[in-house]
Protein backbone atom coordinates (compact mmCIF):
# COMPACT_ATOMS: atom_id res chain seq x y z
CA MET A 1 49.05 -65.87 -4.67
CA ASN A 2 52.42 -64.28 -5.49
CA LEU A 3 52.61 -61.30 -7.84
CA LEU A 4 53.82 -63.34 -10.79
CA LEU A 5 50.86 -65.72 -10.58
CA LEU A 6 48.46 -62.79 -10.02
CA TRP A 7 49.60 -61.03 -13.19
CA ALA A 8 49.34 -64.26 -15.17
CA PHE A 9 45.78 -64.73 -13.91
CA ILE A 10 44.77 -61.16 -14.83
CA ILE A 11 46.26 -61.36 -18.32
CA SER A 12 44.66 -64.74 -18.95
CA SER A 13 41.25 -63.54 -17.75
CA CYS A 14 41.26 -60.31 -19.80
CA THR A 15 42.33 -61.96 -23.04
CA GLU A 16 39.62 -64.58 -23.16
CA LYS A 17 37.39 -63.76 -26.13
CA LYS A 18 34.26 -64.14 -24.07
CA ASP A 19 35.28 -61.11 -21.94
CA ILE A 20 36.04 -58.75 -24.85
CA PRO A 21 33.00 -56.69 -25.93
CA THR A 22 32.36 -56.63 -29.67
CA VAL A 23 31.72 -53.38 -31.54
CA ALA A 24 29.10 -53.49 -34.28
CA GLN A 25 30.50 -52.36 -37.61
CA ALA A 26 28.43 -50.17 -39.92
CA GLN A 27 27.18 -52.15 -42.86
CA PRO A 28 28.27 -50.86 -46.29
CA VAL A 29 25.44 -49.22 -48.19
CA THR A 30 24.54 -51.09 -51.35
CA ASP A 31 22.31 -50.00 -54.20
CA LYS A 32 18.77 -51.21 -53.54
CA ASN A 33 17.48 -49.61 -56.73
CA TRP A 34 15.32 -47.25 -54.72
CA GLN A 35 12.28 -45.84 -56.51
CA PHE A 36 10.41 -42.59 -55.94
CA GLU A 37 6.78 -41.78 -55.44
CA THR A 38 5.01 -40.33 -58.46
CA THR A 39 3.05 -37.68 -56.57
CA PRO A 40 5.15 -34.80 -55.20
CA VAL A 41 5.41 -34.41 -51.44
CA TRP A 42 6.35 -30.75 -51.95
CA GLN A 43 5.97 -28.58 -55.03
CA ASP A 44 5.55 -25.09 -56.36
CA GLU A 45 3.91 -24.63 -59.75
CA PHE A 46 4.08 -20.82 -59.47
CA ASN A 47 0.46 -20.41 -60.44
CA GLY A 48 -0.16 -17.41 -58.19
CA THR A 49 0.86 -13.78 -58.48
CA THR A 50 3.52 -13.59 -55.76
CA VAL A 51 6.24 -15.78 -54.30
CA ASP A 52 4.67 -18.21 -51.82
CA GLY A 53 6.06 -17.26 -48.42
CA SER A 54 5.00 -20.60 -46.94
CA LYS A 55 7.52 -22.31 -49.22
CA TRP A 56 10.31 -19.78 -49.78
CA SER A 57 12.40 -17.23 -47.91
CA PHE A 58 14.83 -14.67 -49.29
CA GLU A 59 18.45 -14.55 -48.18
CA THR A 60 19.65 -10.95 -48.43
CA GLY A 61 22.85 -9.00 -48.45
CA GLY A 62 25.93 -8.19 -50.48
CA GLY A 63 29.27 -9.22 -48.88
CA GLY A 64 30.51 -11.45 -51.69
CA TRP A 65 28.95 -14.66 -50.38
CA GLY A 66 32.33 -16.36 -50.02
CA ASN A 67 33.05 -16.12 -53.75
CA ASN A 68 33.77 -12.38 -54.26
CA GLU A 69 30.38 -11.99 -55.94
CA LEU A 70 29.21 -8.52 -56.93
CA GLN A 71 25.44 -8.58 -56.35
CA ASN A 72 23.24 -7.58 -53.45
CA TYR A 73 20.42 -10.04 -52.81
CA THR A 74 17.17 -8.20 -52.16
CA ASN A 75 14.14 -9.18 -50.14
CA GLY A 76 12.02 -10.22 -53.10
CA ASN A 77 12.45 -7.17 -55.30
CA ASN A 78 14.05 -9.30 -58.00
CA ALA A 79 11.55 -12.17 -57.99
CA THR A 80 8.16 -12.11 -59.68
CA VAL A 81 5.45 -14.72 -60.30
CA ALA A 82 3.15 -14.51 -63.32
CA ASN A 83 1.70 -16.73 -66.03
CA GLY A 84 2.69 -19.90 -64.18
CA ASN A 85 6.37 -18.97 -63.90
CA LEU A 86 8.80 -17.63 -61.36
CA THR A 87 11.24 -15.07 -62.79
CA ILE A 88 14.48 -14.24 -60.96
CA THR A 89 16.08 -11.14 -62.46
CA ALA A 90 19.60 -9.80 -62.01
CA ARG A 91 19.91 -6.06 -62.68
CA ARG A 92 22.69 -3.54 -62.92
CA GLU A 93 21.60 -0.96 -60.37
CA SER A 94 22.76 0.48 -57.08
CA SER A 95 21.56 -1.88 -54.37
CA GLY A 96 22.80 -2.30 -50.82
CA GLY A 97 26.08 -0.64 -51.68
CA ARG A 98 26.64 -2.97 -54.65
CA GLU A 99 26.46 -2.37 -58.39
CA TYR A 100 24.05 -5.23 -59.09
CA SER A 101 20.89 -6.63 -57.53
CA SER A 102 19.50 -10.16 -57.65
CA THR A 103 17.55 -12.80 -55.70
CA ARG A 104 18.50 -15.85 -53.65
CA MET A 105 15.45 -17.95 -52.72
CA ILE A 106 15.70 -20.78 -50.19
CA SER A 107 13.29 -23.42 -48.90
CA ARG A 108 15.07 -23.86 -45.56
CA GLY A 109 12.63 -24.51 -42.73
CA LYS A 110 9.80 -24.75 -45.26
CA GLY A 111 11.07 -27.53 -47.49
CA ASP A 112 13.80 -29.79 -46.08
CA TRP A 113 14.37 -33.36 -47.20
CA LEU A 114 16.50 -36.42 -46.57
CA TYR A 115 16.76 -38.32 -49.86
CA GLY A 116 14.35 -37.97 -52.73
CA ARG A 117 13.99 -36.79 -56.32
CA ILE A 118 14.08 -33.04 -56.88
CA GLU A 119 13.11 -31.63 -60.27
CA VAL A 120 13.30 -28.02 -61.43
CA ARG A 121 12.15 -27.00 -64.91
CA ALA A 122 13.99 -23.82 -65.81
CA LYS A 123 15.28 -21.55 -68.55
CA LEU A 124 18.71 -20.02 -67.81
CA PRO A 125 19.91 -16.41 -68.16
CA ARG A 126 22.42 -15.21 -70.72
CA GLY A 127 25.34 -12.85 -70.25
CA ARG A 128 29.02 -12.94 -69.40
CA GLY A 129 29.33 -12.53 -65.65
CA THR A 130 26.09 -14.30 -64.76
CA TRP A 131 26.21 -17.35 -62.49
CA PRO A 132 22.78 -18.95 -62.00
CA ALA A 133 22.43 -21.98 -59.76
CA ILE A 134 19.87 -24.50 -58.55
CA TRP A 135 21.44 -26.27 -55.61
CA MET A 136 21.14 -27.71 -52.11
CA LEU A 137 22.77 -27.08 -48.76
CA PRO A 138 22.41 -28.90 -45.42
CA THR A 139 19.70 -27.49 -43.20
CA ASP A 140 21.44 -28.19 -39.91
CA ASN A 141 25.22 -28.31 -40.66
CA HIS A 142 25.38 -31.47 -38.54
CA TYR A 143 29.01 -32.18 -39.49
CA GLY A 144 30.19 -28.57 -39.32
CA THR A 145 30.39 -25.57 -41.62
CA TRP A 146 31.04 -25.76 -45.36
CA PRO A 147 32.17 -28.05 -46.87
CA ALA A 148 31.96 -30.56 -44.00
CA SER A 149 28.18 -30.94 -44.14
CA GLY A 150 28.07 -31.10 -47.94
CA GLU A 151 26.65 -29.34 -50.99
CA ILE A 152 24.72 -30.63 -54.02
CA ASP A 153 24.76 -28.49 -57.16
CA ILE A 154 21.89 -29.66 -59.36
CA MET A 155 22.56 -26.99 -61.99
CA GLU A 156 25.27 -24.36 -62.37
CA HIS A 157 26.01 -22.26 -65.43
CA VAL A 158 28.44 -19.41 -66.07
CA GLY A 159 27.56 -16.92 -68.77
CA TYR A 160 30.98 -16.82 -70.43
CA ASP A 161 30.63 -20.56 -71.17
CA GLN A 162 27.16 -20.48 -72.68
CA ASN A 163 25.11 -23.69 -72.66
CA LYS A 164 27.59 -25.76 -70.61
CA VAL A 165 25.64 -26.96 -67.56
CA HIS A 166 27.39 -28.42 -64.51
CA PHE A 167 26.44 -30.86 -61.74
CA SER A 168 28.75 -31.12 -58.71
CA ILE A 169 28.97 -32.29 -55.12
CA HIS A 170 31.20 -30.88 -52.38
CA THR A 171 32.33 -32.56 -49.14
CA SER A 172 35.31 -32.29 -46.78
CA ALA A 173 37.27 -34.67 -48.97
CA TYR A 174 35.92 -33.50 -52.32
CA ASN A 175 35.58 -29.75 -52.88
CA HIS A 176 36.75 -27.03 -55.23
CA MET A 177 39.02 -25.43 -52.61
CA ARG A 178 41.14 -28.58 -52.76
CA GLY A 179 40.56 -29.14 -56.46
CA THR A 180 38.97 -32.50 -55.68
CA GLN A 181 35.29 -31.75 -56.27
CA ARG A 182 33.27 -34.40 -58.06
CA THR A 183 31.72 -32.71 -61.06
CA THR A 184 30.67 -33.16 -64.65
CA ASN A 185 29.08 -31.04 -67.37
CA LYS A 186 26.84 -31.37 -70.38
CA MET A 187 26.19 -29.11 -73.33
CA VAL A 188 22.56 -27.99 -73.56
CA PRO A 189 22.36 -25.99 -76.81
CA THR A 190 19.08 -24.29 -75.88
CA ALA A 191 19.73 -23.76 -72.15
CA SER A 192 18.70 -20.09 -72.37
CA ASP A 193 16.08 -20.45 -75.11
CA ASP A 194 13.95 -23.33 -73.85
CA PHE A 195 12.94 -24.94 -70.58
CA HIS A 196 14.86 -28.00 -69.42
CA VAL A 197 14.35 -30.25 -66.41
CA TYR A 198 17.28 -30.31 -64.00
CA ARG A 199 17.04 -33.19 -61.55
CA VAL A 200 18.80 -35.00 -58.73
CA ASP A 201 17.99 -38.52 -57.54
CA TRP A 202 19.39 -38.77 -54.02
CA THR A 203 19.46 -42.09 -52.17
CA PRO A 204 21.62 -43.58 -49.40
CA TYR A 205 23.76 -45.14 -52.14
CA ALA A 206 24.35 -42.32 -54.61
CA VAL A 207 23.69 -38.79 -55.80
CA ARG A 208 22.77 -38.86 -59.50
CA GLY A 209 22.25 -35.90 -61.83
CA PHE A 210 19.96 -35.69 -64.85
CA ILE A 211 18.97 -33.24 -67.57
CA ASP A 212 15.66 -33.91 -69.31
CA GLY A 213 15.63 -37.43 -67.87
CA VAL A 214 19.11 -38.37 -69.11
CA GLN A 215 21.65 -39.20 -66.40
CA TYR A 216 25.06 -37.57 -66.73
CA PHE A 217 26.43 -37.56 -63.16
CA GLU A 218 26.87 -40.13 -60.39
CA PHE A 219 28.60 -39.94 -57.02
CA VAL A 220 28.50 -43.19 -55.06
CA ASN A 221 28.67 -43.48 -51.27
CA GLU A 222 32.18 -44.76 -50.50
CA ASN A 223 31.20 -45.91 -46.99
CA LYS A 224 34.07 -43.91 -45.46
CA GLY A 225 32.07 -41.61 -43.19
CA PHE A 226 30.97 -38.00 -43.39
CA THR A 227 34.17 -36.61 -44.94
CA THR A 228 33.14 -38.24 -48.22
CA TRP A 229 29.41 -38.75 -47.59
CA PRO A 230 27.64 -36.13 -45.46
CA PHE A 231 24.50 -36.74 -47.49
CA ASP A 232 22.66 -38.61 -44.73
CA LYS A 233 21.10 -35.47 -43.23
CA ARG A 234 18.33 -33.20 -44.47
CA PHE A 235 19.02 -30.55 -47.14
CA HIS A 236 17.05 -27.62 -48.57
CA LEU A 237 16.83 -26.03 -52.01
CA ILE A 238 18.34 -22.74 -53.23
CA MET A 239 17.74 -20.86 -56.49
CA ASN A 240 19.69 -17.73 -57.36
CA ILE A 241 21.59 -15.70 -59.92
CA ALA A 242 24.99 -14.48 -58.78
CA VAL A 243 26.92 -11.80 -60.66
CA GLY A 244 30.68 -12.01 -61.10
CA GLY A 245 32.56 -13.95 -58.45
CA ASN A 246 35.54 -16.27 -58.61
CA TRP A 247 33.96 -18.46 -61.26
CA GLY A 248 31.12 -16.45 -62.76
CA GLY A 249 33.32 -13.37 -63.19
CA ALA A 250 36.48 -15.16 -64.32
CA GLN A 251 36.19 -13.46 -67.74
CA GLY A 252 34.65 -10.22 -66.51
CA VAL A 253 31.08 -8.94 -66.57
CA ASP A 254 29.24 -7.70 -69.65
CA ASN A 255 27.10 -4.86 -68.35
CA ASN A 256 25.11 -4.82 -71.58
CA ALA A 257 23.66 -8.22 -70.61
CA PHE A 258 21.55 -6.76 -67.79
CA PRO A 259 18.78 -7.13 -66.87
CA THR A 260 18.82 -10.90 -67.37
CA SER A 261 16.58 -13.57 -65.89
CA MET A 262 16.21 -17.21 -64.94
CA THR A 263 12.66 -18.44 -65.43
CA VAL A 264 11.38 -21.40 -63.42
CA ASP A 265 8.26 -23.29 -64.49
CA TYR A 266 8.04 -25.60 -61.46
CA VAL A 267 9.83 -27.23 -58.53
CA ARG A 268 8.74 -30.75 -57.56
CA VAL A 269 10.05 -33.00 -54.81
CA PHE A 270 9.26 -36.73 -54.75
CA LYS A 271 9.75 -38.96 -51.72
CA MET A 272 12.09 -41.94 -51.93
CA ILE A 273 10.26 -45.21 -51.33
CA GLU A 274 11.92 -47.03 -48.43
C-alpha cells in the first residue's frame, strides 16, 4: 500500500463514529422540590450550663481574620450557656493584644452536612461597630481556599445599619472582592429585641434564605461547575460577633455599646429527603 492510500485508510478508520468514544455529559440539576425531615439530625437546645464540646469548638486569635477586624477570639471566655440560651458576648477589654474580645464558635468536625435545612433562633446585638454572623464554610476546601470552595451567610448584621439583616453566598465567580456576590437584605424591626429564626434550605438545585419562615433569598445552581456552584460538598456552621472590620467598622466603633451580646435559643439541622 503506498503512503497516499495508507493515510487515506487511517483517516477513514479514525473518523468512523463507531471508533470515537463518547463522553457522558453532566445532567443539569433541576428542582425536585426536595423536602426535609421533621426531626433534627443534629441540634443544640443549649439546655445545659456550658457549651457542649461534642458539638462546638472555638476558633481563637486576633489577626484581623481577613477583614481588618479588631477583636481577639477567646477560647470560650465570651460564651455562656444558661436558662436554655447560648450568649456570645463582645467586650471592650485587652485580650490577646487586641482592644476587644469575642467568640467564634464552629461545628467543624462535629457537625458537617451536605444539603439540608439549618435553623438558628437568635437575638442580635446592638452597637455601631458590631458585626454578628451565622454562616457556613466548607469543611474540606475541596475546590481550594476562599472563595473557591464557597461560603453561605445565613445571617449578617452590622450595627451601624440597625435591623437590616443580610443573606449572601460567595463563590469564585460571585464574591464581594469582585463586587459580584449574590446577596439580599430584609428589615427586621425587632432584630435586637426579640428572637427570630434565621434559616437556609440547601439542596442540589438552590440555596434559599428565610427569616421566620418567609423566603427572601434564592441562588439557583447554574450548572456551570464549581466556580459558580461549589455547594456540592459538606459545610459546617459558624456563629460569632466580630468588632470593626471592613464592613462592620465602616462607620467606626461606638465603645459605649460594649459589652453587647448575641443570644441563641437553638440550632437545628434537618436532613434533606433524597
